[in-house]
Amino acid sequence: MRNGKSEAEDFIRTMPAKSRAKLHMIISLLKEKGAAVPMPYFRHIKGEIYELRIISGHDSFRILCFFTHSREIVLTNGFRKTTLRMPEKEIKVAEKRLSEFKRSNAE
């Protein structure tokens, strides 16, 4: 997060309106069902990192996230999916933000 703005929010603003609407629908499902939201909308990636999967026409977007202890959803970063594999650098960004979050919220 920089200056109170998150890079995930910045990325979401660049997505087409239809894709943003799908993202908001998936977030609503997450608030209702937690990590029990099924594929193709949501998937566990690694450790505490998950992905929100937005497919709209020929566009495919991913927003990485994690859950806090109080089950809030923290969006870490987003990208346009262009390959079959999850880019390792995107996972590293999400893991770094999770680590920063834990450090800043340690008791």
N, C-alpha and C. Protein backbone atom coordinates (compact mmCIF):
# COMPACT_ATOMS: atom_id res chain seq x y z
N MET A 1 0.86 -1.17 0.00
CA MET A 1 0.00 0.00 0.00
C MET A 1 0.90 1.23 0.00
N ARG A 2 0.53 2.20 -0.78
CA ARG A 2 1.28 3.44 -0.81
C ARG A 2 0.32 4.60 -0.74
N ASN A 3 0.59 5.51 0.16
CA ASN A 3 -0.24 6.71 0.34
C ASN A 3 -1.73 6.37 0.52
N GLY A 4 -2.01 5.28 1.24
CA GLY A 4 -3.40 4.93 1.49
C GLY A 4 -4.08 4.27 0.30
N LYS A 5 -3.38 4.09 -0.81
CA LYS A 5 -3.95 3.46 -2.00
C LYS A 5 -3.25 2.12 -2.21
N SER A 6 -3.99 1.12 -2.61
CA SER A 6 -3.36 -0.16 -2.86
C SER A 6 -3.17 -0.36 -4.35
N GLU A 7 -2.13 -1.10 -4.69
CA GLU A 7 -1.88 -1.41 -6.10
C GLU A 7 -3.01 -2.27 -6.66
N ALA A 8 -3.61 -3.10 -5.82
CA ALA A 8 -4.76 -3.90 -6.29
C ALA A 8 -5.90 -2.98 -6.71
N GLU A 9 -6.18 -1.96 -5.90
CA GLU A 9 -7.24 -1.00 -6.26
C GLU A 9 -6.91 -0.29 -7.56
N ASP A 10 -5.66 0.12 -7.72
CA ASP A 10 -5.24 0.78 -8.95
C ASP A 10 -5.46 -0.14 -10.15
N PHE A 11 -5.09 -1.41 -10.00
CA PHE A 11 -5.27 -2.35 -11.09
C PHE A 11 -6.75 -2.55 -11.42
N ILE A 12 -7.56 -2.71 -10.39
CA ILE A 12 -9.00 -2.94 -10.59
C ILE A 12 -9.63 -1.79 -11.38
N ARG A 13 -9.19 -0.58 -11.11
CA ARG A 13 -9.72 0.59 -11.84
C ARG A 13 -9.43 0.51 -13.34
N THR A 14 -8.39 -0.22 -13.74
CA THR A 14 -8.04 -0.32 -15.16
C THR A 14 -8.83 -1.42 -15.87
N MET A 15 -9.50 -2.28 -15.12
CA MET A 15 -10.25 -3.38 -15.72
C MET A 15 -11.52 -2.86 -16.39
N PRO A 16 -11.98 -3.55 -17.44
CA PRO A 16 -13.25 -3.16 -18.07
C PRO A 16 -14.40 -3.26 -17.06
N ALA A 17 -15.45 -2.47 -17.27
CA ALA A 17 -16.58 -2.42 -16.33
C ALA A 17 -17.20 -3.80 -16.11
N LYS A 18 -17.35 -4.58 -17.16
CA LYS A 18 -17.96 -5.91 -17.02
C LYS A 18 -17.11 -6.82 -16.13
N SER A 19 -15.80 -6.73 -16.26
CA SER A 19 -14.89 -7.53 -15.42
C SER A 19 -14.94 -7.05 -13.98
N ARG A 20 -15.01 -5.73 -13.76
CA ARG A 20 -15.13 -5.20 -12.39
C ARG A 20 -16.43 -5.68 -11.75
N ALA A 21 -17.51 -5.73 -12.52
CA ALA A 21 -18.79 -6.21 -11.99
C ALA A 21 -18.67 -7.67 -11.56
N LYS A 22 -17.99 -8.49 -12.37
CA LYS A 22 -17.79 -9.90 -11.99
C LYS A 22 -16.94 -10.00 -10.73
N LEU A 23 -15.93 -9.16 -10.62
CA LEU A 23 -15.09 -9.15 -9.42
C LEU A 23 -15.92 -8.83 -8.19
N HIS A 24 -16.79 -7.84 -8.27
CA HIS A 24 -17.63 -7.48 -7.13
C HIS A 24 -18.58 -8.61 -6.76
N MET A 25 -19.07 -9.35 -7.76
CA MET A 25 -19.92 -10.51 -7.49
C MET A 25 -19.13 -11.59 -6.73
N ILE A 26 -17.89 -11.82 -7.14
CA ILE A 26 -17.06 -12.82 -6.48
C ILE A 26 -16.74 -12.40 -5.05
N ILE A 27 -16.46 -11.12 -4.85
CA ILE A 27 -16.19 -10.63 -3.49
C ILE A 27 -17.42 -10.79 -2.61
N SER A 28 -18.60 -10.55 -3.16
CA SER A 28 -19.84 -10.77 -2.40
C SER A 28 -19.98 -12.23 -2.00
N LEU A 29 -19.65 -13.14 -2.92
CA LEU A 29 -19.69 -14.57 -2.59
C LEU A 29 -18.69 -14.90 -1.48
N LEU A 30 -17.50 -14.30 -1.54
CA LEU A 30 -16.49 -14.55 -0.51
C LEU A 30 -16.96 -14.06 0.85
N LYS A 31 -17.61 -12.90 0.88
CA LYS A 31 -18.11 -12.38 2.15
C LYS A 31 -19.16 -13.31 2.73
N GLU A 32 -19.94 -13.93 1.86
CA GLU A 32 -21.01 -14.82 2.29
C GLU A 32 -20.50 -16.21 2.66
N LYS A 33 -19.60 -16.77 1.84
CA LYS A 33 -19.19 -18.17 2.00
C LYS A 33 -17.76 -18.37 2.46
N GLY A 34 -16.97 -17.30 2.52
CA GLY A 34 -15.56 -17.46 2.88
C GLY A 34 -14.82 -18.22 1.79
N ALA A 35 -13.81 -18.98 2.17
CA ALA A 35 -12.97 -19.69 1.20
C ALA A 35 -13.69 -20.87 0.55
N ALA A 36 -14.96 -21.08 0.85
CA ALA A 36 -15.73 -22.17 0.26
C ALA A 36 -16.26 -21.83 -1.13
N VAL A 37 -15.97 -20.65 -1.64
CA VAL A 37 -16.40 -20.28 -2.99
C VAL A 37 -15.67 -21.20 -3.97
N PRO A 38 -16.39 -21.83 -4.88
CA PRO A 38 -15.77 -22.84 -5.76
C PRO A 38 -15.08 -22.24 -6.99
N MET A 39 -14.34 -23.11 -7.66
CA MET A 39 -13.84 -22.79 -9.00
C MET A 39 -15.10 -22.60 -9.84
N PRO A 40 -15.13 -21.80 -10.83
CA PRO A 40 -14.01 -21.11 -11.45
C PRO A 40 -13.75 -19.73 -10.87
N TYR A 41 -14.40 -19.37 -9.76
CA TYR A 41 -14.31 -18.02 -9.22
C TYR A 41 -13.14 -17.80 -8.27
N PHE A 42 -12.73 -18.85 -7.57
CA PHE A 42 -11.81 -18.68 -6.46
C PHE A 42 -10.98 -19.94 -6.33
N ARG A 43 -9.68 -19.78 -6.00
CA ARG A 43 -8.82 -20.95 -5.89
C ARG A 43 -7.66 -20.67 -4.94
N HIS A 44 -7.30 -21.68 -4.17
CA HIS A 44 -6.13 -21.60 -3.30
C HIS A 44 -4.89 -21.70 -4.18
N ILE A 45 -3.89 -20.85 -3.90
CA ILE A 45 -2.66 -20.85 -4.68
C ILE A 45 -1.52 -21.51 -3.90
N LYS A 46 -1.23 -20.94 -2.72
CA LYS A 46 -0.07 -21.39 -1.96
C LYS A 46 -0.12 -20.78 -0.57
N GLY A 47 0.12 -21.59 0.45
CA GLY A 47 0.13 -21.05 1.81
C GLY A 47 -1.18 -20.37 2.12
N GLU A 48 -1.13 -19.08 2.42
CA GLU A 48 -2.33 -18.31 2.75
C GLU A 48 -2.83 -17.47 1.57
N ILE A 49 -2.24 -17.69 0.40
CA ILE A 49 -2.56 -16.88 -0.78
C ILE A 49 -3.63 -17.58 -1.63
N TYR A 50 -4.61 -16.80 -2.06
CA TYR A 50 -5.69 -17.28 -2.92
C TYR A 50 -5.79 -16.37 -4.13
N GLU A 51 -6.54 -16.82 -5.15
CA GLU A 51 -6.77 -15.98 -6.31
C GLU A 51 -8.26 -15.86 -6.59
N LEU A 52 -8.67 -14.66 -6.95
CA LEU A 52 -10.00 -14.42 -7.48
C LEU A 52 -9.84 -14.47 -8.99
N ARG A 53 -10.67 -15.25 -9.64
CA ARG A 53 -10.54 -15.50 -11.08
C ARG A 53 -11.67 -14.79 -11.81
N ILE A 54 -11.32 -13.84 -12.65
CA ILE A 54 -12.32 -13.08 -13.40
C ILE A 54 -12.11 -13.37 -14.88
N ILE A 55 -13.10 -14.01 -15.50
CA ILE A 55 -13.05 -14.31 -16.92
C ILE A 55 -14.25 -13.64 -17.56
N SER A 56 -13.96 -12.77 -18.52
CA SER A 56 -15.02 -12.02 -19.17
C SER A 56 -14.68 -11.92 -20.66
N GLY A 57 -15.40 -12.69 -21.47
CA GLY A 57 -15.09 -12.71 -22.89
C GLY A 57 -13.70 -13.27 -23.11
N HIS A 58 -12.86 -12.52 -23.80
CA HIS A 58 -11.48 -12.96 -24.05
C HIS A 58 -10.52 -12.48 -22.97
N ASP A 59 -11.01 -11.72 -22.02
CA ASP A 59 -10.16 -11.22 -20.95
C ASP A 59 -10.17 -12.17 -19.77
N SER A 60 -9.01 -12.34 -19.18
CA SER A 60 -8.87 -13.16 -17.98
C SER A 60 -7.97 -12.39 -17.01
N PHE A 61 -8.52 -12.11 -15.83
CA PHE A 61 -7.80 -11.35 -14.81
C PHE A 61 -7.69 -12.18 -13.54
N ARG A 62 -6.66 -11.89 -12.76
CA ARG A 62 -6.49 -12.53 -11.46
C ARG A 62 -6.20 -11.44 -10.44
N ILE A 63 -6.84 -11.58 -9.29
CA ILE A 63 -6.56 -10.72 -8.14
C ILE A 63 -6.13 -11.66 -7.02
N LEU A 64 -4.93 -11.48 -6.51
CA LEU A 64 -4.46 -12.32 -5.41
C LEU A 64 -4.87 -11.69 -4.09
N CYS A 65 -5.08 -12.55 -3.09
CA CYS A 65 -5.59 -12.06 -1.82
C CYS A 65 -5.24 -13.02 -0.69
N PHE A 66 -5.55 -12.60 0.53
CA PHE A 66 -5.46 -13.47 1.71
C PHE A 66 -6.56 -13.04 2.67
N PHE A 67 -6.79 -13.87 3.68
CA PHE A 67 -7.79 -13.57 4.71
C PHE A 67 -7.08 -13.18 5.99
N THR A 68 -7.65 -12.21 6.71
CA THR A 68 -7.13 -11.84 8.02
C THR A 68 -7.69 -12.83 9.04
N HIS A 69 -7.22 -12.72 10.29
CA HIS A 69 -7.74 -13.59 11.34
C HIS A 69 -9.24 -13.37 11.55
N SER A 70 -9.71 -12.16 11.29
CA SER A 70 -11.14 -11.87 11.44
C SER A 70 -11.91 -12.16 10.15
N ARG A 71 -11.27 -12.89 9.23
CA ARG A 71 -11.87 -13.35 7.96
C ARG A 71 -12.18 -12.22 6.98
N GLU A 72 -11.51 -11.08 7.13
CA GLU A 72 -11.62 -10.02 6.12
C GLU A 72 -10.74 -10.41 4.94
N ILE A 73 -11.11 -9.94 3.76
CA ILE A 73 -10.36 -10.23 2.55
C ILE A 73 -9.43 -9.05 2.25
N VAL A 74 -8.14 -9.34 2.07
CA VAL A 74 -7.18 -8.30 1.71
C VAL A 74 -6.69 -8.61 0.29
N LEU A 75 -6.99 -7.70 -0.65
CA LEU A 75 -6.54 -7.84 -2.02
C LEU A 75 -5.12 -7.31 -2.12
N THR A 76 -4.21 -8.11 -2.66
CA THR A 76 -2.80 -7.72 -2.67
C THR A 76 -2.32 -7.17 -4.00
N ASN A 77 -2.67 -7.81 -5.09
CA ASN A 77 -2.20 -7.40 -6.40
C ASN A 77 -3.06 -8.05 -7.48
N GLY A 78 -3.02 -7.48 -8.66
CA GLY A 78 -3.81 -8.01 -9.76
C GLY A 78 -3.03 -7.96 -11.05
N PHE A 79 -3.44 -8.79 -12.00
CA PHE A 79 -2.79 -8.81 -13.30
C PHE A 79 -3.70 -9.46 -14.34
N ARG A 80 -3.41 -9.17 -15.59
CA ARG A 80 -4.11 -9.80 -16.70
C ARG A 80 -3.44 -11.14 -16.94
N LYS A 81 -4.20 -12.19 -16.99
CA LYS A 81 -3.66 -13.55 -17.18
C LYS A 81 -3.40 -13.76 -18.67
N THR A 82 -2.15 -14.06 -19.02
CA THR A 82 -1.79 -14.26 -20.42
C THR A 82 -1.14 -15.61 -20.67
N THR A 83 -0.83 -16.35 -19.60
CA THR A 83 -0.21 -17.67 -19.74
C THR A 83 -1.00 -18.69 -18.93
N LEU A 84 -0.71 -19.97 -19.16
CA LEU A 84 -1.40 -21.02 -18.40
C LEU A 84 -0.94 -21.08 -16.95
N ARG A 85 0.31 -20.77 -16.70
CA ARG A 85 0.87 -20.86 -15.35
C ARG A 85 0.71 -19.55 -14.60
N MET A 86 0.60 -19.66 -13.29
CA MET A 86 0.56 -18.49 -12.42
C MET A 86 1.98 -17.91 -12.37
N PRO A 87 2.16 -16.64 -12.71
CA PRO A 87 3.51 -16.05 -12.64
C PRO A 87 4.03 -16.03 -11.19
N GLU A 88 5.19 -16.61 -11.01
CA GLU A 88 5.80 -16.69 -9.67
C GLU A 88 6.01 -15.31 -9.08
N LYS A 89 6.34 -14.32 -9.92
CA LYS A 89 6.58 -12.97 -9.39
C LYS A 89 5.32 -12.40 -8.76
N GLU A 90 4.14 -12.73 -9.29
CA GLU A 90 2.89 -12.25 -8.71
C GLU A 90 2.63 -12.90 -7.36
N ILE A 91 2.96 -14.18 -7.24
CA ILE A 91 2.83 -14.87 -5.95
C ILE A 91 3.76 -14.25 -4.93
N LYS A 92 4.99 -13.94 -5.34
CA LYS A 92 5.97 -13.32 -4.43
C LYS A 92 5.47 -11.96 -3.94
N VAL A 93 4.85 -11.18 -4.83
CA VAL A 93 4.30 -9.88 -4.43
C VAL A 93 3.23 -10.09 -3.36
N ALA A 94 2.32 -11.04 -3.58
CA ALA A 94 1.25 -11.31 -2.61
C ALA A 94 1.83 -11.78 -1.28
N GLU A 95 2.83 -12.66 -1.31
CA GLU A 95 3.46 -13.14 -0.08
C GLU A 95 4.15 -12.00 0.67
N LYS A 96 4.78 -11.11 -0.06
CA LYS A 96 5.44 -9.95 0.58
C LYS A 96 4.40 -9.07 1.26
N ARG A 97 3.29 -8.83 0.61
CA ARG A 97 2.25 -7.98 1.21
C ARG A 97 1.60 -8.66 2.41
N LEU A 98 1.44 -9.98 2.35
CA LEU A 98 0.94 -10.72 3.51
C LEU A 98 1.91 -10.58 4.68
N SER A 99 3.19 -10.73 4.42
CA SER A 99 4.21 -10.59 5.47
C SER A 99 4.20 -9.17 6.06
N GLU A 100 4.11 -8.16 5.20
CA GLU A 100 4.03 -6.77 5.68
C GLU A 100 2.79 -6.55 6.53
N PHE A 101 1.68 -7.13 6.10
CA PHE A 101 0.43 -6.99 6.85
C PHE A 101 0.58 -7.62 8.24
N LYS A 102 1.15 -8.81 8.28
CA LYS A 102 1.33 -9.49 9.58
C LYS A 102 2.25 -8.69 10.49
N ARG A 103 3.34 -8.14 9.94
CA ARG A 103 4.27 -7.32 10.75
C ARG A 103 3.58 -6.09 11.30
N SER A 104 2.80 -5.42 10.46
CA SER A 104 2.17 -4.17 10.89
C SER A 104 0.97 -4.40 11.83
N ASN A 105 0.47 -5.62 11.86
CA ASN A 105 -0.67 -5.93 12.73
C ASN A 105 -0.30 -6.85 13.87
N ALA A 106 1.00 -7.04 14.11
CA ALA A 106 1.44 -7.90 15.21
C ALA A 106 1.13 -7.22 16.54
N GLU A 107 0.81 -8.03 17.50
CA GLU A 107 0.46 -7.47 18.82
C GLU A 107 1.70 -7.33 19.68
